[in-house]
Amino acid sequence: MQRLTGRICLITGASSGFGAHFARVAVREGARVILGARRAERVAALATELGSDNALAVDMDVTSEPSTIAAFDAAEARFGPVDTVIANAGVSVTGRATEIPAADLQSLFDTNLLGLYLTAREGARRMMAAGSRETGRGRILLIGSMGAIAPFPGGSGYCASKAGVASLARSFGSEWVRQGINVNVLQPGFIQTELAGDWFDSEQGKAQIAGFQRRRLQPIESLDEPVVYFCSDASLHTSGAVMSIDDGQSL
């Protein structure tokens, strides 16, 4: 059964990694998707792959409110009001806390927190305007990280930003729960994506994997069912939840 049939889902950071994967999952489950990212050629190629009846690519910078608003405008013009948001866009900056340039930290927090805030807020505004209070169909899924509960060396800024994501979900959830909008967080572990680059092929990366309880990276497919649950009618009674799906890496 296609559990997301009838849903209009906007996904940020859809040009690669989690975002592109979630887009494929959402379409497979019957949703129409809006693919938001700054790398326009990447999301355009993905939209072609998924089919014009199912997907729309938009040039979207989540740190810019005008760009975010324009993305939702384009979504409504093509498919109708967005009722589902996967706020996935994020960046990683690693290094010793005493050495990371302030500009890099600003970029990190602008994308991982401000960008997520603007995306969720605009999504909530649109859902309310479309009658989410009456339908109860509003779904916002924030993509966090197990780093929020298990900080790792060199990841001080990144882990702090992801802890902020978990906090925002509780705050947004409380503010919008009576408006028929559920806000939840999914916290994955380490998964091989473009963002990770070739780190896990290095000796240090291999040592990190050896330190995990199960001595392996988490497969991206392990996130499919939680994503579908949080975006579907099945999560009608779930809001403010912070779910860690990390293959036990945070233990």
Protein backbone atom coordinates (compact mmCIF):
# COMPACT_ATOMS: atom_id res chain seq x y z
CA MET A 1 0.00 0.00 0.00
CA GLN A 2 1.27 3.48 -0.87
CA ARG A 3 1.13 5.15 2.53
CA LEU A 4 1.84 8.70 1.35
CA THR A 5 -0.69 8.84 -1.48
CA GLY A 6 -2.18 12.33 -1.78
CA ARG A 7 0.59 14.03 0.16
CA ILE A 8 2.56 17.01 -1.13
CA CYS A 9 6.01 16.79 0.44
CA LEU A 10 8.72 19.46 0.33
CA ILE A 11 12.21 18.12 1.02
CA THR A 12 15.22 20.35 1.62
CA GLY A 13 18.78 19.28 0.91
CA ALA A 14 17.36 17.04 -1.81
CA SER A 15 20.34 17.20 -4.16
CA SER A 16 22.12 14.21 -2.59
CA GLY A 17 22.37 11.93 0.44
CA PHE A 18 19.42 11.68 2.78
CA GLY A 19 17.31 14.21 0.90
CA ALA A 20 17.55 12.47 -2.47
CA HIS A 21 16.95 9.10 -0.84
CA PHE A 22 13.90 10.32 1.06
CA ALA A 23 12.50 11.79 -2.17
CA ARG A 24 12.69 8.40 -3.84
CA VAL A 25 11.03 6.77 -0.83
CA ALA A 26 8.24 9.37 -0.75
CA VAL A 27 7.45 8.97 -4.45
CA ARG A 28 7.52 5.19 -4.12
CA GLU A 29 4.93 5.59 -1.34
CA GLY A 30 2.67 7.74 -3.50
CA ALA A 31 3.63 11.33 -2.58
CA ARG A 32 4.38 14.20 -4.90
CA VAL A 33 7.63 15.85 -3.93
CA ILE A 34 9.23 19.27 -4.16
CA LEU A 35 13.00 18.94 -4.28
CA GLY A 36 14.72 21.93 -2.72
CA ALA A 37 18.47 22.60 -2.86
CA ARG A 38 21.05 25.14 -3.98
CA ARG A 39 22.55 22.73 -6.51
CA ALA A 40 19.82 23.27 -9.08
CA GLU A 41 21.24 20.89 -11.67
CA ARG A 42 21.25 18.02 -9.15
CA VAL A 43 17.60 18.39 -8.13
CA ALA A 44 16.60 18.92 -11.76
CA ALA A 45 18.18 15.57 -12.65
CA LEU A 46 16.44 13.88 -9.74
CA ALA A 47 13.08 15.39 -10.74
CA THR A 48 13.59 13.98 -14.24
CA GLU A 49 14.33 10.57 -12.74
CA LEU A 50 11.20 10.64 -10.58
CA GLY A 51 8.95 12.00 -13.34
CA SER A 52 7.31 15.36 -13.90
CA ASP A 53 3.98 14.11 -12.55
CA ASN A 54 5.65 13.26 -9.24
CA ALA A 55 8.44 15.77 -8.67
CA LEU A 56 9.31 19.44 -8.98
CA ALA A 57 12.84 20.83 -8.60
CA VAL A 58 13.25 24.25 -6.99
CA ASP A 59 16.36 26.35 -6.44
CA MET A 60 16.21 26.84 -2.66
CA ASP A 61 18.59 28.36 -0.14
CA VAL A 62 17.19 27.49 3.28
CA THR A 63 19.15 30.30 4.97
CA SER A 64 17.20 32.85 2.92
CA GLU A 65 13.59 33.56 3.89
CA PRO A 66 12.67 34.94 0.41
CA SER A 67 14.11 31.81 -1.21
CA THR A 68 12.22 29.58 1.20
CA ILE A 69 8.94 31.41 0.58
CA ALA A 70 9.50 31.19 -3.18
CA ALA A 71 9.98 27.42 -2.94
CA PHE A 72 6.65 26.98 -1.17
CA ASP A 73 5.00 29.29 -3.70
CA ALA A 74 6.31 27.13 -6.55
CA ALA A 75 5.12 23.98 -4.81
CA GLU A 76 1.59 25.34 -4.42
CA ALA A 77 1.46 26.55 -8.00
CA ARG A 78 2.40 23.09 -9.29
CA PHE A 79 0.87 20.58 -6.90
CA GLY A 80 -1.19 22.49 -4.34
CA PRO A 81 -0.56 23.27 -0.65
CA VAL A 82 2.32 21.44 1.01
CA ASP A 83 1.11 19.23 3.86
CA THR A 84 4.39 17.44 4.57
CA VAL A 85 7.90 18.84 5.11
CA ILE A 86 11.17 16.98 5.55
CA ALA A 87 13.68 19.59 6.77
CA ASN A 88 16.86 17.78 5.90
CA ALA A 89 19.32 20.41 4.63
CA GLY A 90 22.46 20.46 6.72
CA VAL A 91 26.22 20.89 6.63
CA SER A 92 29.06 19.57 8.73
CA VAL A 93 32.08 21.46 10.04
CA THR A 94 34.60 19.47 12.02
CA GLY A 95 37.81 20.30 13.82
CA ARG A 96 39.11 21.32 17.21
CA ALA A 97 36.83 23.82 18.91
CA THR A 98 39.83 26.10 19.46
CA GLU A 99 40.63 26.20 15.75
CA ILE A 100 37.37 26.32 13.75
CA PRO A 101 37.00 29.75 12.07
CA ALA A 102 34.03 31.80 13.26
CA ALA A 103 32.82 32.15 9.66
CA ASP A 104 32.59 28.36 9.35
CA LEU A 105 30.61 28.15 12.57
CA GLN A 106 28.26 30.89 11.35
CA SER A 107 27.63 28.98 8.12
CA LEU A 108 27.01 25.78 10.09
CA PHE A 109 24.43 27.33 12.41
CA ASP A 110 22.82 29.32 9.60
CA THR A 111 22.11 26.14 7.66
CA ASN A 112 21.46 23.61 10.43
CA LEU A 113 19.36 25.82 12.69
CA LEU A 114 18.24 29.01 10.97
CA GLY A 115 17.55 27.18 7.72
CA LEU A 116 15.59 24.47 9.47
CA TYR A 117 13.68 27.09 11.47
CA LEU A 118 12.69 29.05 8.36
CA THR A 119 11.67 25.89 6.49
CA ALA A 120 9.52 24.53 9.32
CA ARG A 121 7.95 27.92 10.01
CA GLU A 122 6.96 28.54 6.41
CA GLY A 123 5.65 25.00 6.15
CA ALA A 124 3.52 25.52 9.25
CA ARG A 125 2.14 28.80 7.91
CA ARG A 126 1.07 27.12 4.68
CA MET A 127 -0.45 24.14 6.47
CA MET A 128 -2.49 26.37 8.77
CA ALA A 129 -3.72 28.43 5.82
CA ALA A 130 -4.79 25.21 4.08
CA GLY A 131 -6.84 24.07 7.09
CA SER A 132 -4.54 21.73 8.99
CA ARG A 133 -6.41 22.49 12.22
CA GLU A 134 -9.47 20.77 10.77
CA THR A 135 -7.74 17.99 8.83
CA GLY A 136 -4.90 17.12 11.21
CA ARG A 137 -2.74 16.30 8.18
CA GLY A 138 0.22 18.60 8.86
CA ARG A 139 3.53 16.73 9.13
CA ILE A 140 6.97 18.26 9.69
CA LEU A 141 9.96 15.96 10.09
CA LEU A 142 13.26 17.48 11.18
CA ILE A 143 16.42 15.50 10.44
CA GLY A 144 18.77 15.62 13.40
CA SER A 145 21.69 13.39 14.33
CA MET A 146 22.75 10.99 17.02
CA GLY A 147 25.47 13.58 17.66
CA ALA A 148 22.82 15.44 19.65
CA ILE A 149 23.02 12.76 22.35
CA ALA A 150 26.47 11.30 21.69
CA PRO A 151 28.93 14.11 20.78
CA PHE A 152 32.00 12.98 18.92
CA PRO A 153 35.52 14.46 18.83
CA GLY A 154 35.82 17.38 16.45
CA GLY A 155 32.07 17.78 16.15
CA SER A 156 31.32 20.39 18.84
CA GLY A 157 29.50 22.85 16.58
CA TYR A 158 27.73 20.18 14.52
CA CYS A 159 26.53 18.26 17.58
CA ALA A 160 25.35 21.46 19.26
CA SER A 161 23.38 22.39 16.14
CA LYS A 162 21.70 18.98 16.11
CA ALA A 163 20.86 19.24 19.80
CA GLY A 164 19.16 22.49 18.84
CA VAL A 165 17.13 20.63 16.21
CA ALA A 166 15.74 18.31 18.88
CA SER A 167 14.84 21.29 21.04
CA LEU A 168 13.11 23.05 18.15
CA ALA A 169 10.93 20.01 17.50
CA ARG A 170 9.59 20.11 21.04
CA SER A 171 9.04 23.87 20.84
CA PHE A 172 7.39 23.80 17.43
CA GLY A 173 5.36 20.74 18.37
CA SER A 174 3.99 22.46 21.46
CA GLU A 175 3.17 25.66 19.57
CA TRP A 176 1.46 23.99 16.60
CA VAL A 177 -0.12 20.86 18.09
CA ARG A 178 -3.58 22.45 18.22
CA GLN A 179 -3.18 23.51 14.61
CA GLY A 180 -3.13 19.92 13.39
CA ILE A 181 0.61 19.92 12.72
CA ASN A 182 2.86 17.21 14.11
CA VAL A 183 6.58 17.98 14.42
CA ASN A 184 9.07 15.20 15.07
CA VAL A 185 12.81 14.53 14.83
CA LEU A 186 14.70 11.60 13.36
CA GLN A 187 18.28 11.19 14.61
CA PRO A 188 20.34 8.88 12.36
CA GLY A 189 23.76 7.50 13.09
CA PHE A 190 26.75 7.48 10.75
CA ILE A 191 25.74 6.55 7.21
CA GLN A 192 27.89 6.66 4.10
CA THR A 193 26.71 9.68 2.10
CA GLU A 194 28.33 12.38 0.01
CA LEU A 195 28.54 14.55 3.12
CA ALA A 196 30.85 11.98 4.75
CA GLY A 197 33.10 11.93 1.70
CA ASP A 198 35.92 9.38 1.90
CA TRP A 199 36.31 9.69 5.68
CA PHE A 200 35.24 6.11 6.38
CA ASP A 201 37.81 4.80 3.89
CA SER A 202 40.60 6.45 5.87
CA GLU A 203 42.41 4.73 8.72
CA GLN A 204 40.79 7.08 11.25
CA GLY A 205 37.36 6.41 9.76
CA LYS A 206 37.90 2.66 9.88
CA ALA A 207 38.94 2.99 13.51
CA GLN A 208 35.74 4.90 14.22
CA ILE A 209 33.65 2.13 12.67
CA ALA A 210 35.55 -0.44 14.73
CA GLY A 211 34.47 1.47 17.84
CA PHE A 212 30.76 1.11 17.06
CA GLN A 213 28.95 -1.63 18.95
CA ARG A 214 28.13 -3.46 15.72
CA ARG A 215 31.37 -2.56 13.89
CA ARG A 216 29.51 -1.25 10.84
CA LEU A 217 27.98 1.80 9.20
CA GLN A 218 24.23 2.15 9.30
CA PRO A 219 22.46 1.46 5.97
CA ILE A 220 20.43 4.39 4.69
CA GLU A 221 17.47 2.08 4.07
CA SER A 222 17.10 1.69 7.84
CA LEU A 223 15.51 5.16 7.84
CA ASP A 224 12.81 4.37 5.28
CA GLU A 225 10.12 3.07 7.62
CA PRO A 226 10.56 5.80 10.28
CA VAL A 227 10.40 8.51 7.59
CA VAL A 228 7.22 7.05 6.10
CA TYR A 229 5.68 6.73 9.55
CA PHE A 230 6.38 10.33 10.55
CA CYS A 231 5.10 11.66 7.21
CA SER A 232 1.95 9.55 7.03
CA ASP A 233 -1.44 9.39 8.71
CA ALA A 234 -0.02 6.65 10.97
CA SER A 235 1.71 9.34 13.07
CA LEU A 236 -1.55 11.19 13.81
CA HIS A 237 -0.93 10.88 17.55
CA THR A 238 2.84 11.48 17.50
CA SER A 239 4.27 14.97 17.94
CA GLY A 240 7.37 16.23 19.70
CA ALA A 241 9.02 12.81 19.43
CA VAL A 242 12.79 12.55 19.08
CA MET A 243 13.63 9.14 17.63
CA SER A 244 17.20 7.88 17.40
CA ILE A 245 17.64 5.29 14.66
CA ASP A 246 21.41 4.82 14.76
CA ASP A 247 22.07 1.06 14.74
CA GLY A 248 23.17 1.33 18.36
CA GLN A 249 26.11 3.59 17.48
CA SER A 250 25.25 6.01 20.29
CA LEU A 251 25.35 3.26 22.95
